[in-house]
Amino acid sequence: MQPAPPTPFTGPAPLRSSQDVGRLGANDAAWRAALLPLAMVAIWLAAVFYFWDARIDHDNSWYVMAIRAWLFEGAHLYTDIVEVNPPLAFYVMAPAVLASAWLTIPAAIAVNLYVLLLAAFTSYLVLRFVRRAPDCSAGLASAYALAATFLALFGPLPGQGQREHFVVLFVLPYVTLAAFRPLGLELPNWQRSAIAA
């Protein structure tokens, strides 16, 4: 008994109904919507590998030493610790120093990880805002979100973790909100107030 000859290839099977077409379109749109967060995560992971074991510069080293003296040794700012910067610089860097002490990890890793987490939160807010603007095209939203993620992570180099870097991280959501309001981005008043603060 001989096997039946193979049937010639006639192309893909035709779609059976309009439901199949809609389902394929929805899957394609869902896949495209997932690509942007995946690309942002890839940029963030590249930054993690780049900054994980990087040294902190002399300014951040001074902040680490001064904040340790302030928080753990009872030193007073501007009397025992001679400093010309406003106290906000100490308040912003204090969580990294506390994490270094509590987790018993090197201060350089704690500072870099703290900055990376702040950059991830900033990127998340930017992505959330551009996706809520109804009149914004997908291409513009993607380009802006990717550029903002790159700026939040690598823009202030070589001053990673310095005051200028924190300015970028804290101001970027506000700039995004202001830039995308003409494209229909609306947030509740409490969210706008929190971002402006």
Protein backbone atom coordinates (compact mmCIF):
# COMPACT_ATOMS: atom_id res chain seq x y z
CA MET A 1 0.00 0.00 0.00
CA GLN A 2 1.51 3.28 -1.09
CA PRO A 3 1.10 6.52 0.89
CA ALA A 4 -1.08 9.22 -0.59
CA PRO A 5 0.84 11.92 -2.46
CA PRO A 6 1.30 15.17 -0.53
CA THR A 7 -1.16 17.90 -1.28
CA PRO A 8 0.34 21.01 -2.84
CA PHE A 9 0.67 24.12 -0.66
CA THR A 10 -2.07 26.57 -1.51
CA GLY A 11 -1.26 29.30 1.02
CA PRO A 12 -2.61 30.07 4.46
CA ALA A 13 -6.09 29.00 5.37
CA PRO A 14 -8.66 31.71 4.78
CA LEU A 15 -10.14 33.47 7.79
CA ARG A 16 -13.48 32.04 8.68
CA SER A 17 -15.26 35.13 9.94
CA SER A 18 -14.90 38.75 10.91
CA GLN A 19 -14.40 37.59 14.51
CA ASP A 20 -11.13 35.96 13.47
CA VAL A 21 -9.98 39.22 11.89
CA GLY A 22 -10.86 41.17 15.04
CA ARG A 23 -9.11 38.66 17.25
CA LEU A 24 -5.93 38.86 15.17
CA GLY A 25 -6.05 42.65 15.25
CA ALA A 26 -6.54 42.69 19.02
CA ASN A 27 -3.61 40.32 19.54
CA ASP A 28 -1.42 42.46 17.28
CA ALA A 29 -2.39 45.62 19.18
CA ALA A 30 -1.74 43.94 22.53
CA TRP A 31 1.68 42.81 21.33
CA ARG A 32 2.54 46.30 20.10
CA ALA A 33 1.35 47.79 23.41
CA ALA A 34 3.64 45.41 25.33
CA LEU A 35 6.73 46.27 23.25
CA LEU A 36 7.14 49.77 24.71
CA PRO A 37 7.29 48.68 28.39
CA LEU A 38 9.61 45.82 27.39
CA ALA A 39 11.95 48.27 25.64
CA MET A 40 11.89 50.55 28.69
CA VAL A 41 12.70 47.61 30.98
CA ALA A 42 15.57 46.63 28.65
CA ILE A 43 17.03 50.15 28.93
CA TRP A 44 16.65 50.01 32.72
CA LEU A 45 18.35 46.59 32.92
CA ALA A 46 21.23 47.91 30.82
CA ALA A 47 21.57 50.76 33.33
CA VAL A 48 21.52 48.28 36.23
CA PHE A 49 24.43 46.38 34.70
CA TYR A 50 26.24 49.63 33.93
CA PHE A 51 25.81 51.25 37.36
CA TRP A 52 25.65 48.24 39.69
CA ASP A 53 29.27 48.25 40.77
CA ALA A 54 30.14 51.79 39.68
CA ARG A 55 31.93 54.05 42.10
CA ILE A 56 30.21 57.12 43.41
CA ASP A 57 31.96 60.44 42.95
CA HIS A 58 33.43 62.63 45.68
CA ASP A 59 30.25 64.72 46.10
CA ASN A 60 28.10 61.68 46.79
CA SER A 61 30.80 60.23 49.02
CA TRP A 62 30.68 63.41 51.09
CA TYR A 63 26.90 63.18 51.34
CA VAL A 64 27.14 59.57 52.51
CA MET A 65 29.68 60.47 55.21
CA ALA A 66 27.80 63.59 56.32
CA ILE A 67 24.41 61.86 56.42
CA ARG A 68 25.85 58.99 58.44
CA ALA A 69 27.21 61.51 60.96
CA TRP A 70 23.87 63.34 60.97
CA LEU A 71 21.60 60.29 61.32
CA PHE A 72 23.69 57.87 63.35
CA GLU A 73 26.17 59.97 65.32
CA GLY A 74 23.99 62.91 66.36
CA ALA A 75 25.84 65.59 64.38
CA HIS A 76 23.88 68.75 63.58
CA LEU A 77 23.61 70.09 60.06
CA TYR A 78 25.29 73.47 59.51
CA THR A 79 26.95 73.45 62.94
CA ASP A 80 28.83 70.16 63.30
CA ILE A 81 28.63 69.48 59.55
CA VAL A 82 29.87 72.41 57.48
CA GLU A 83 27.79 72.52 54.32
CA VAL A 84 26.59 75.24 51.95
CA ASN A 85 23.87 73.24 50.20
CA PRO A 86 20.25 73.40 51.38
CA PRO A 87 18.98 70.54 53.55
CA LEU A 88 16.86 69.13 50.72
CA ALA A 89 20.03 67.59 49.27
CA PHE A 90 20.47 65.65 52.51
CA TYR A 91 16.82 64.61 52.68
CA VAL A 92 16.87 63.30 49.12
CA MET A 93 20.01 61.22 49.67
CA ALA A 94 19.10 59.97 53.17
CA PRO A 95 17.05 56.91 52.01
CA ALA A 96 20.11 55.49 50.22
CA VAL A 97 22.27 55.89 53.33
CA LEU A 98 19.57 54.31 55.53
CA ALA A 99 19.23 51.39 53.10
CA SER A 100 22.99 50.92 53.12
CA ALA A 101 23.00 50.72 56.92
CA TRP A 102 19.91 48.52 57.29
CA LEU A 103 20.78 46.10 54.50
CA THR A 104 24.51 46.16 55.29
CA ILE A 105 25.45 46.74 51.67
CA PRO A 106 28.17 49.09 50.40
CA ALA A 107 27.09 52.70 50.18
CA ALA A 108 28.01 52.93 46.49
CA ILE A 109 25.64 50.08 45.61
CA ALA A 110 22.89 51.56 47.80
CA VAL A 111 23.21 54.98 46.16
CA ASN A 112 23.24 53.54 42.64
CA LEU A 113 20.29 51.24 43.37
CA TYR A 114 18.34 54.12 44.92
CA VAL A 115 18.88 56.29 41.85
CA LEU A 116 17.93 53.40 39.55
CA LEU A 117 14.69 52.83 41.46
CA LEU A 118 13.82 56.53 41.31
CA ALA A 119 14.53 56.49 37.57
CA ALA A 120 12.29 53.44 37.15
CA PHE A 121 9.46 55.21 39.00
CA THR A 122 9.93 58.32 36.86
CA SER A 123 9.84 56.22 33.69
CA TYR A 124 6.68 54.48 34.90
CA LEU A 125 4.96 57.83 35.47
CA VAL A 126 6.01 59.07 32.03
CA LEU A 127 4.69 55.90 30.37
CA ARG A 128 1.43 56.16 32.29
CA PHE A 129 0.97 59.80 31.30
CA VAL A 130 1.69 59.42 27.58
CA ARG A 131 -0.69 56.47 27.36
CA ARG A 132 -3.48 58.50 28.96
CA ALA A 133 -3.27 61.27 26.35
CA PRO A 134 -6.08 60.41 23.91
CA ASP A 135 -4.88 62.65 21.07
CA CYS A 136 -1.29 61.38 21.17
CA SER A 137 -0.17 59.01 18.43
CA ALA A 138 1.39 55.70 19.41
CA GLY A 139 4.64 56.67 17.67
CA LEU A 140 4.98 59.95 19.57
CA ALA A 141 4.13 58.27 22.88
CA SER A 142 6.70 55.53 22.28
CA ALA A 143 9.45 57.91 21.17
CA TYR A 144 8.85 60.24 24.12
CA ALA A 145 8.70 57.43 26.70
CA LEU A 146 11.90 55.81 25.42
CA ALA A 147 13.74 59.14 25.28
CA ALA A 148 12.56 60.02 28.80
CA THR A 149 13.69 56.64 30.14
CA PHE A 150 17.11 57.06 28.56
CA LEU A 151 17.35 60.62 29.89
CA ALA A 152 16.32 59.57 33.40
CA LEU A 153 19.00 56.88 33.49
CA PHE A 154 21.90 58.12 31.39
CA GLY A 155 21.25 61.82 30.76
CA PRO A 156 23.13 63.30 33.73
CA LEU A 157 26.30 61.27 33.18
CA PRO A 158 28.97 61.54 34.48
CA GLY A 159 27.10 63.05 37.45
CA GLN A 160 24.92 60.05 38.21
CA GLY A 161 23.19 60.52 41.55
CA GLN A 162 24.11 64.20 41.86
CA ARG A 163 21.65 67.02 42.49
CA GLU A 164 21.27 67.64 38.76
CA HIS A 165 20.27 64.01 38.28
CA PHE A 166 17.62 64.28 40.98
CA VAL A 167 16.29 67.44 39.32
CA VAL A 168 15.82 65.48 36.08
CA LEU A 169 14.09 62.62 37.92
CA PHE A 170 11.71 64.87 39.85
CA VAL A 171 10.93 67.35 37.06
CA LEU A 172 10.42 64.91 34.17
CA PRO A 173 6.87 63.84 35.23
CA TYR A 174 5.86 67.50 35.54
CA VAL A 175 7.32 68.34 32.12
CA THR A 176 5.50 65.35 30.63
CA LEU A 177 2.21 66.43 32.17
CA ALA A 178 2.64 69.98 30.85
CA ALA A 179 3.72 68.80 27.38
CA PHE A 180 0.87 66.31 26.91
CA ARG A 181 -2.02 68.38 28.31
CA PRO A 182 -2.66 69.90 24.85
CA LEU A 183 -3.01 66.30 23.60
CA GLY A 184 -5.83 65.61 26.04
CA LEU A 185 -3.93 64.35 29.08
CA GLU A 186 -6.03 64.98 32.17
CA LEU A 187 -5.28 63.86 35.71
CA PRO A 188 -7.24 64.28 38.94
CA ASN A 189 -6.36 67.40 40.90
CA TRP A 190 -4.65 65.47 43.69
CA GLN A 191 -2.30 63.77 41.21
CA ARG A 192 -1.44 67.07 39.54
CA SER A 193 -0.79 68.65 42.94
CA ALA A 194 1.45 65.75 43.99
CA ILE A 195 3.50 66.03 40.79
CA ALA A 196 3.79 69.80 41.09
CA ALA A 197 4.93 69.52 44.70
